[in-house]
Amino acid sequence: MTAARDVESALLTRCLAAARDVAAAAEDRREANVFRLAALIVRPRFPSESARLMQASERYLAAHPGDKMAAADVVSKGWVVSLPRLRDMLSARLRGR
């Protein structure tokens, strides 16, 4: 269980970094799809951060268009435990908690 939480924490840290950096880019398929999903679910509360996450995702996916996945596939692969959990945890980090 700890390893899964460590992976989740590292991915949230990467999301937070991408949400704050206008020049960020996803490093791989997983990050690109998680960033895209994160951008969609935090958009109502964090529109600027959402835009940066989407841009970070698009920078990777522009070079690897075949790597774009549906949200359900991102969840089924286990890259995101659940959408509400991703939203809540990332929102808390974006608020500085």
Protein backbone atom coordinates (compact mmCIF):
# COMPACT_ATOMS: atom_id res chain seq x y z
CA MET A 1 0.00 0.00 0.00
CA THR A 2 2.82 2.41 0.85
CA ALA A 3 4.39 2.06 -2.59
CA ALA A 4 1.08 2.95 -4.25
CA ARG A 5 0.72 6.01 -2.02
CA ASP A 6 4.29 7.03 -2.81
CA VAL A 7 3.58 6.80 -6.54
CA GLU A 8 0.36 8.78 -6.10
CA SER A 9 2.17 11.44 -4.05
CA ALA A 10 4.93 11.76 -6.64
CA LEU A 11 2.37 12.15 -9.42
CA LEU A 12 0.49 14.80 -7.42
CA THR A 13 3.78 16.63 -6.92
CA ARG A 14 4.36 16.57 -10.68
CA CYS A 15 0.80 17.83 -11.27
CA LEU A 16 1.36 20.67 -8.83
CA ALA A 17 4.64 21.61 -10.50
CA ALA A 18 3.03 21.58 -13.96
CA ALA A 19 0.08 23.62 -12.69
CA ARG A 20 2.48 26.35 -11.59
CA ASP A 21 4.94 26.35 -14.51
CA VAL A 22 3.93 27.82 -17.86
CA ALA A 23 6.74 25.93 -19.62
CA ALA A 24 6.12 22.51 -18.06
CA ALA A 25 5.74 19.41 -20.20
CA ALA A 26 4.68 15.91 -19.31
CA GLU A 27 7.57 13.47 -19.35
CA ASP A 28 5.67 10.39 -20.48
CA ARG A 29 2.33 8.91 -21.52
CA ARG A 30 1.10 8.49 -17.96
CA GLU A 31 1.88 12.07 -16.96
CA ALA A 32 0.35 13.48 -20.13
CA ASN A 33 -2.93 11.70 -19.56
CA VAL A 34 -3.06 12.37 -15.82
CA PHE A 35 -2.25 16.07 -16.40
CA ARG A 36 -5.05 16.27 -18.98
CA LEU A 37 -7.52 14.61 -16.64
CA ALA A 38 -6.39 16.78 -13.71
CA ALA A 39 -6.82 19.89 -15.86
CA LEU A 40 -10.42 18.96 -16.61
CA ILE A 41 -11.41 18.26 -13.03
CA VAL A 42 -9.80 21.32 -11.37
CA ARG A 43 -10.86 23.81 -14.07
CA PRO A 44 -13.87 25.24 -12.19
CA ARG A 45 -11.86 26.18 -9.10
CA PHE A 46 -8.40 26.71 -10.60
CA PRO A 47 -8.74 27.92 -14.21
CA SER A 48 -5.15 29.18 -14.60
CA GLU A 49 -3.63 26.05 -13.13
CA SER A 50 -5.95 23.96 -15.27
CA ALA A 51 -4.75 25.73 -18.40
CA ARG A 52 -1.10 25.09 -17.49
CA LEU A 53 -1.78 21.41 -16.79
CA MET A 54 -3.54 21.09 -20.15
CA GLN A 55 -0.63 22.79 -21.93
CA ALA A 56 1.87 20.47 -20.23
CA SER A 57 -0.19 17.52 -21.43
CA GLU A 58 -0.56 18.88 -24.95
CA ARG A 59 3.19 19.47 -25.30
CA TYR A 60 3.77 15.75 -24.86
CA LEU A 61 0.72 14.58 -26.80
CA ALA A 62 1.56 16.78 -29.79
CA ALA A 63 4.68 14.67 -30.27
CA HIS A 64 2.93 11.39 -29.32
CA PRO A 65 -0.71 11.67 -30.50
CA GLY A 66 -1.29 7.94 -30.22
CA ASP A 67 -0.69 8.11 -26.47
CA LYS A 68 -3.86 10.11 -25.71
CA MET A 69 -6.29 8.03 -23.66
CA ALA A 70 -9.89 8.30 -22.49
CA ALA A 71 -10.39 9.18 -18.83
CA ALA A 72 -11.87 5.76 -18.12
CA ASP A 73 -8.70 4.12 -19.44
CA VAL A 74 -6.50 6.30 -17.22
CA VAL A 75 -8.51 5.16 -14.20
CA SER A 76 -8.66 1.51 -15.30
CA LYS A 77 -4.86 1.45 -15.65
CA GLY A 78 -4.65 2.54 -12.02
CA TRP A 79 -2.84 5.79 -12.82
CA VAL A 80 -5.60 7.58 -10.93
CA VAL A 81 -7.43 5.86 -8.08
CA SER A 82 -10.59 7.89 -8.58
CA LEU A 83 -11.52 11.23 -10.09
CA PRO A 84 -12.93 12.67 -6.84
CA ARG A 85 -9.75 11.65 -4.99
CA LEU A 86 -7.53 13.27 -7.64
CA ARG A 87 -9.66 16.43 -7.56
CA ASP A 88 -9.66 16.68 -3.78
CA MET A 89 -5.97 15.93 -3.27
CA LEU A 90 -4.78 18.19 -6.06
CA SER A 91 -7.14 20.99 -4.99
CA ALA A 92 -5.78 20.80 -1.45
CA ARG A 93 -2.21 21.07 -2.76
CA LEU A 94 -3.12 23.96 -5.04
CA ARG A 95 -4.62 25.75 -2.03
CA GLY A 96 -1.39 25.13 -0.14
CA ARG A 97 -2.63 22.53 2.33
